[in-house]
Amino acid sequence: MKNYLFPILVILVLSLALIRPSFLLNWEGLETSVLIVPLLQIIMFGVGTEMSLADFKGVVQMPKGVLIGMLCQFSIMPFLGFGIAKLFGFSPEIAAGIILVGSSPSGLASNVMSYLAKANLALSVTMTACATLVAPLITPFMMSWLGGQFVEVDFLGMMWSIFQIVIIPIAIGLLFNHFLKGKVSWLDRIMPIISMAGIILIIGVITANGRDSLLEIGLLLVLACVLHNGLGYLLGYFAAKAAKMDEASCRTIALEVGMQNSGLASGIAVQMGKIGTVGLAPAVFGPLMNVTGSLLASFWKNRPQS
């Protein structure tokens, strides 16, 4: 049951958000949306405690894979998001949310799926680390270029948001890992639990805030996210194949491209003051990509890499 605990809890919280949104919107006068950014910062700190400078050594050891993966990451998904938003004719802020997901870097979920798929885990970790590092520049740039056609985008404000939500907490986590790793064992034990609980709460709060919009366009948004996610896997895989990468690296690049840091996208939506509209696509994309990623990893796990 431990393997299914996370998706079960996500389904329960989503159900609560749709049936009784008030329970997740306000806790005795506290607007729960103000908790999203601090929760993301705690989660990113936890990510930092699991990272080290060694995660970047793949840039030197396999530069071709990292370069191809990064190019795919920040071209395929933003333009797919833009095309899908146009195709479905969503309202401007919903469309901007889809583009925001596509413009975000990959997250730790892709590393887990690469491990399960017996893909190139070292390349996956390096790509995630590098994508996170360049996100404060590339994500606002892609959003200004593509998302700016739907909503007003504050480039510098978004850059600062990403620094606050991702870069600063990860940097503190890296320092913690370097100086205190193993010396605070209780923190190592509880961080995964805190991260899981934080992600579930964030999904619930965003869904509750955007309940009316989600009920109106729910199935269409789910379909759009399925297309975005699935085409990301497909195009990432065949782009790597065209570049003559080995099978393990092709699988890794597919997962890195198709799986985005939807938590970061949610945090940016909160900072934009559009949690119930721009924040909807990240809230749908996040749980969905974990399901599809798990299925794809299971499929690849027992297939030969030849």
Protein backbone atom coordinates (compact mmCIF):
# COMPACT_ATOMS: atom_id res chain seq x y z
CA MET A 1 0.00 0.00 0.00
CA LYS A 2 2.95 2.36 0.55
CA ASN A 3 3.49 2.49 -3.22
CA TYR A 4 -0.08 3.74 -3.73
CA LEU A 5 -0.31 6.07 -0.73
CA PHE A 6 0.66 9.24 -2.62
CA PRO A 7 -1.83 8.90 -5.52
CA ILE A 8 -4.59 7.84 -3.09
CA LEU A 9 -4.02 10.93 -0.93
CA VAL A 10 -3.91 13.16 -4.03
CA ILE A 11 -7.28 11.77 -5.19
CA LEU A 12 -8.80 12.29 -1.73
CA VAL A 13 -7.57 15.89 -1.50
CA LEU A 14 -8.71 16.64 -5.06
CA SER A 15 -12.15 15.25 -4.20
CA LEU A 16 -12.31 17.40 -1.07
CA ALA A 17 -11.25 20.49 -3.06
CA LEU A 18 -14.06 19.94 -5.57
CA ILE A 19 -16.79 19.00 -3.07
CA ARG A 20 -15.94 21.31 -0.15
CA PRO A 21 -13.43 23.90 -1.39
CA SER A 22 -14.01 26.15 1.63
CA PHE A 23 -12.22 23.60 3.83
CA LEU A 24 -9.00 24.15 1.86
CA LEU A 25 -9.36 27.88 1.21
CA ASN A 26 -9.37 29.36 4.70
CA TRP A 27 -8.21 28.02 8.07
CA GLU A 28 -9.57 30.25 10.85
CA GLY A 29 -8.85 33.44 8.95
CA LEU A 30 -5.65 32.23 7.29
CA GLU A 31 -5.79 32.25 3.48
CA THR A 32 -4.15 28.91 2.66
CA SER A 33 -2.74 30.22 -0.62
CA VAL A 34 -0.06 32.08 1.40
CA LEU A 35 1.34 28.69 2.45
CA ILE A 36 2.19 27.58 -1.09
CA VAL A 37 5.46 29.47 -1.59
CA PRO A 38 6.88 28.64 1.90
CA LEU A 39 5.96 24.97 1.36
CA LEU A 40 7.72 24.98 -2.01
CA GLN A 41 10.78 26.56 -0.41
CA ILE A 42 10.87 23.81 2.22
CA ILE A 43 10.53 21.16 -0.50
CA MET A 44 13.33 22.77 -2.54
CA PHE A 45 15.51 22.89 0.58
CA GLY A 46 14.92 19.14 0.90
CA VAL A 47 15.96 18.73 -2.74
CA GLY A 48 19.15 20.66 -2.01
CA THR A 49 20.02 18.41 0.93
CA GLU A 50 20.03 15.47 -1.51
CA MET A 51 22.26 17.25 -4.06
CA SER A 52 25.97 17.98 -4.27
CA LEU A 53 28.37 19.54 -6.74
CA ALA A 54 28.98 16.01 -8.05
CA ASP A 55 25.53 16.17 -9.66
CA PHE A 56 26.99 18.62 -12.19
CA LYS A 57 29.97 16.46 -13.18
CA GLY A 58 27.91 14.92 -16.00
CA VAL A 59 28.29 18.22 -17.90
CA VAL A 60 31.94 17.33 -18.37
CA GLN A 61 31.49 13.56 -18.67
CA MET A 62 28.61 13.58 -21.18
CA PRO A 63 28.33 17.08 -22.67
CA LYS A 64 26.49 15.90 -25.80
CA GLY A 65 23.66 14.32 -23.80
CA VAL A 66 23.29 17.32 -21.50
CA LEU A 67 23.30 19.80 -24.41
CA ILE A 68 20.74 17.84 -26.46
CA GLY A 69 18.57 17.25 -23.40
CA MET A 70 18.58 20.91 -22.39
CA LEU A 71 17.78 22.06 -25.92
CA CYS A 72 14.86 19.64 -26.06
CA GLN A 73 13.70 20.59 -22.56
CA PHE A 74 13.42 24.31 -23.25
CA SER A 75 12.18 24.14 -26.84
CA ILE A 76 9.79 21.21 -27.17
CA MET A 77 7.68 21.81 -24.06
CA PRO A 78 7.20 25.61 -24.27
CA PHE A 79 6.22 25.47 -27.95
CA LEU A 80 4.01 22.43 -27.38
CA GLY A 81 2.28 24.33 -24.59
CA PHE A 82 1.76 27.33 -26.84
CA GLY A 83 0.39 25.19 -29.67
CA ILE A 84 -1.96 23.23 -27.40
CA ALA A 85 -3.23 26.42 -25.75
CA LYS A 86 -4.02 27.86 -29.19
CA LEU A 87 -5.57 24.60 -30.42
CA PHE A 88 -7.98 24.29 -27.49
CA GLY A 89 -8.86 27.98 -27.45
CA PHE A 90 -8.56 28.30 -23.67
CA SER A 91 -9.09 31.62 -21.92
CA PRO A 92 -5.87 33.71 -21.75
CA GLU A 93 -4.94 32.86 -18.14
CA ILE A 94 -5.59 29.11 -18.52
CA ALA A 95 -3.53 29.17 -21.74
CA ALA A 96 -0.71 31.01 -19.94
CA GLY A 97 -0.72 28.29 -17.28
CA ILE A 98 -0.13 25.59 -19.91
CA ILE A 99 2.77 27.57 -21.37
CA LEU A 100 4.14 28.14 -17.86
CA VAL A 101 4.25 24.38 -17.25
CA GLY A 102 6.09 23.92 -20.55
CA SER A 103 8.57 26.68 -19.72
CA SER A 104 9.48 25.23 -16.33
CA PRO A 105 12.50 22.95 -15.77
CA SER A 106 12.25 19.26 -14.97
CA GLY A 107 12.04 18.15 -11.34
CA LEU A 108 13.09 15.27 -9.12
CA ALA A 109 10.20 13.10 -10.32
CA SER A 110 12.02 12.58 -13.63
CA ASN A 111 15.08 11.29 -11.73
CA VAL A 112 12.93 8.72 -9.93
CA MET A 113 11.33 7.59 -13.19
CA SER A 114 14.74 7.35 -14.91
CA TYR A 115 15.90 5.10 -12.10
CA LEU A 116 12.81 2.90 -12.39
CA ALA A 117 13.13 2.75 -16.20
CA LYS A 118 16.79 1.68 -15.95
CA ALA A 119 17.68 4.73 -18.00
CA ASN A 120 20.78 6.93 -17.72
CA LEU A 121 20.32 8.14 -14.15
CA ALA A 122 23.55 10.19 -14.09
CA LEU A 123 22.37 12.13 -17.16
CA SER A 124 18.93 12.61 -15.59
CA VAL A 125 20.35 14.05 -12.37
CA THR A 126 22.72 16.34 -14.28
CA MET A 127 19.98 17.57 -16.62
CA THR A 128 17.64 18.33 -13.72
CA ALA A 129 20.38 20.20 -11.85
CA CYS A 130 21.36 22.24 -14.93
CA ALA A 131 17.76 22.96 -15.94
CA THR A 132 17.03 24.19 -12.42
CA LEU A 133 20.13 26.39 -12.47
CA VAL A 134 19.19 28.15 -15.73
CA ALA A 135 15.44 28.33 -14.99
CA PRO A 136 15.57 31.88 -13.48
CA LEU A 137 16.62 33.17 -16.91
CA ILE A 138 15.01 30.80 -19.43
CA THR A 139 11.59 30.33 -17.83
CA PRO A 140 10.79 34.09 -17.66
CA PHE A 141 12.19 34.52 -21.19
CA MET A 142 9.94 31.79 -22.67
CA MET A 143 6.96 33.07 -20.70
CA SER A 144 7.55 36.64 -21.89
CA TRP A 145 7.87 35.45 -25.49
CA LEU A 146 5.04 32.92 -25.64
CA GLY A 147 2.91 33.48 -22.55
CA GLY A 148 3.09 37.25 -22.99
CA GLN A 149 0.67 36.86 -25.89
CA PHE A 150 -2.00 35.83 -23.37
CA VAL A 151 -1.19 37.66 -20.11
CA GLU A 152 1.15 40.39 -18.95
CA VAL A 153 4.46 38.89 -17.79
CA ASP A 154 6.85 40.68 -15.44
CA PHE A 155 10.22 39.25 -16.55
CA LEU A 156 12.28 40.51 -13.60
CA GLY A 157 9.52 39.72 -11.12
CA MET A 158 9.27 36.15 -12.38
CA MET A 159 13.05 35.78 -12.29
CA TRP A 160 13.11 36.90 -8.66
CA SER A 161 10.24 34.53 -7.83
CA ILE A 162 12.21 31.57 -9.18
CA PHE A 163 15.29 32.63 -7.20
CA GLN A 164 13.15 32.80 -4.05
CA ILE A 165 11.31 29.54 -4.63
CA VAL A 166 14.11 27.38 -6.07
CA ILE A 167 17.65 28.72 -6.20
CA ILE A 168 18.00 30.15 -2.67
CA PRO A 169 16.43 27.14 -0.83
CA ILE A 170 18.46 24.65 -2.93
CA ALA A 171 21.66 26.62 -2.26
CA ILE A 172 20.96 26.48 1.49
CA GLY A 173 20.22 22.76 1.15
CA LEU A 174 23.53 22.22 -0.69
CA LEU A 175 25.39 23.96 2.15
CA PHE A 176 23.50 21.83 4.67
CA ASN A 177 24.41 18.69 2.73
CA HIS A 178 28.09 19.69 2.60
CA PHE A 179 28.51 20.59 6.27
CA LEU A 180 25.81 18.65 8.16
CA LYS A 181 24.86 15.61 6.05
CA GLY A 182 24.25 12.65 8.37
CA LYS A 183 24.59 14.78 11.51
CA VAL A 184 20.88 15.62 11.71
CA SER A 185 19.41 12.18 11.03
CA TRP A 186 15.87 13.10 12.10
CA LEU A 187 15.74 15.73 9.33
CA ASP A 188 16.80 13.16 6.72
CA ARG A 189 13.90 10.95 7.86
CA ILE A 190 11.14 13.55 7.89
CA MET A 191 11.98 15.58 4.75
CA PRO A 192 10.41 13.05 2.33
CA ILE A 193 7.23 13.03 4.44
CA ILE A 194 7.13 16.84 4.61
CA SER A 195 7.70 17.04 0.84
CA MET A 196 4.90 14.60 0.09
CA ALA A 197 2.47 16.35 2.45
CA GLY A 198 3.44 19.75 1.03
CA ILE A 199 2.84 18.69 -2.58
CA ILE A 200 -0.55 17.19 -1.69
CA LEU A 201 -1.62 20.36 0.15
CA ILE A 202 -0.46 22.60 -2.71
CA ILE A 203 -2.47 20.56 -5.23
CA GLY A 204 -5.53 20.76 -2.97
CA VAL A 205 -5.30 24.51 -2.35
CA ILE A 206 -4.81 25.35 -6.04
CA THR A 207 -7.70 23.07 -7.06
CA ALA A 208 -9.97 24.62 -4.42
CA ASN A 209 -9.11 28.14 -5.63
CA GLY A 210 -9.78 27.23 -9.24
CA ARG A 211 -12.73 24.89 -8.61
CA ASP A 212 -15.28 26.80 -10.71
CA SER A 213 -12.95 27.13 -13.70
CA LEU A 214 -11.91 23.50 -13.37
CA LEU A 215 -15.50 22.26 -13.33
CA GLU A 216 -16.18 24.31 -16.43
CA ILE A 217 -13.18 23.14 -18.51
CA GLY A 218 -11.93 20.16 -16.49
CA LEU A 219 -12.02 17.42 -19.13
CA LEU A 220 -10.57 19.69 -21.81
CA LEU A 221 -7.72 20.75 -19.50
CA VAL A 222 -6.98 17.12 -18.58
CA LEU A 223 -6.89 16.23 -22.28
CA ALA A 224 -4.60 19.19 -23.00
CA CYS A 225 -2.24 18.12 -20.22
CA VAL A 226 -2.25 14.50 -21.45
CA LEU A 227 -1.27 15.72 -24.92
CA HIS A 228 1.40 18.06 -23.55
CA ASN A 229 2.90 15.38 -21.35
CA GLY A 230 2.66 12.51 -23.85
CA LEU A 231 4.00 14.46 -26.83
CA GLY A 232 6.84 15.66 -24.60
CA TYR A 233 7.89 12.04 -23.99
CA LEU A 234 7.50 11.15 -27.67
CA LEU A 235 9.32 14.13 -29.17
CA GLY A 236 12.04 14.05 -26.52
CA TYR A 237 12.72 10.38 -27.23
CA PHE A 238 12.87 10.69 -31.01
CA ALA A 239 14.88 13.93 -30.90
CA ALA A 240 17.50 12.04 -28.86
CA LYS A 241 17.29 9.12 -31.31
CA ALA A 242 17.86 11.52 -34.23
CA ALA A 243 20.95 12.80 -32.41
CA LYS A 244 22.20 9.17 -32.24
CA MET A 245 22.08 8.90 -28.44
CA ASP A 246 22.13 5.44 -26.86
CA GLU A 247 18.82 3.89 -25.78
CA ALA A 248 19.29 4.59 -22.04
CA SER A 249 19.98 8.27 -22.75
CA CYS A 250 16.99 8.49 -25.13
CA ARG A 251 14.74 7.23 -22.36
CA THR A 252 16.22 9.72 -19.92
CA ILE A 253 15.76 12.69 -22.27
CA ALA A 254 12.17 11.61 -22.97
CA LEU A 255 11.39 11.60 -19.25
CA GLU A 256 13.25 14.87 -18.60
CA VAL A 257 11.35 16.60 -21.40
CA GLY A 258 7.90 15.19 -20.59
CA MET A 259 8.05 15.70 -16.82
CA GLN A 260 8.10 19.29 -15.56
CA ASN A 261 8.52 20.96 -12.19
CA SER A 262 4.82 21.69 -11.78
CA GLY A 263 5.43 22.79 -8.19
CA LEU A 264 7.59 25.66 -9.38
CA ALA A 265 4.94 26.58 -11.97
CA SER A 266 2.34 26.62 -9.17
CA GLY A 267 4.52 28.90 -7.06
CA ILE A 268 4.99 31.32 -9.95
CA ALA A 269 1.20 31.37 -10.50
CA VAL A 270 0.76 32.30 -6.83
CA GLN A 271 3.33 35.09 -7.13
CA MET A 272 1.48 36.35 -10.22
CA GLY A 273 -1.72 36.51 -8.16
CA LYS A 274 -3.47 34.08 -10.52
CA ILE A 275 -3.60 30.88 -8.47
CA GLY A 276 -7.13 29.93 -9.60
CA THR A 277 -6.44 30.30 -13.34
CA VAL A 278 -2.76 30.21 -14.31
CA GLY A 279 -2.24 27.74 -11.45
CA LEU A 280 -4.76 25.19 -12.75
CA ALA A 281 -2.62 23.62 -15.48
CA PRO A 282 0.29 22.91 -13.08
CA ALA A 283 -2.18 21.41 -10.57
CA VAL A 284 -3.53 19.03 -13.24
CA PHE A 285 -0.20 18.33 -14.96
CA GLY A 286 1.67 17.39 -11.75
CA PRO A 287 -0.34 14.33 -10.62
CA LEU A 288 -0.95 13.30 -14.23
CA MET A 289 2.73 13.20 -15.16
CA ASN A 290 3.51 11.01 -12.15
CA VAL A 291 0.95 8.47 -13.33
CA THR A 292 2.12 8.48 -16.96
CA GLY A 293 5.78 8.56 -15.92
CA SER A 294 5.30 5.52 -13.70
CA LEU A 295 3.55 3.64 -16.52
CA LEU A 296 6.27 4.52 -19.03
CA ALA A 297 9.04 3.58 -16.59
CA SER A 298 7.36 0.23 -15.89
CA PHE A 299 7.06 -0.41 -19.65
CA TRP A 300 10.72 0.36 -20.27
CA LYS A 301 12.02 -1.44 -17.19
CA ASN A 302 11.61 -4.92 -18.68
CA ARG A 303 12.52 -4.03 -22.28
CA PRO A 304 16.09 -4.54 -23.57
CA GLN A 305 18.14 -1.44 -24.34
CA SER A 306 19.19 -2.50 -27.81
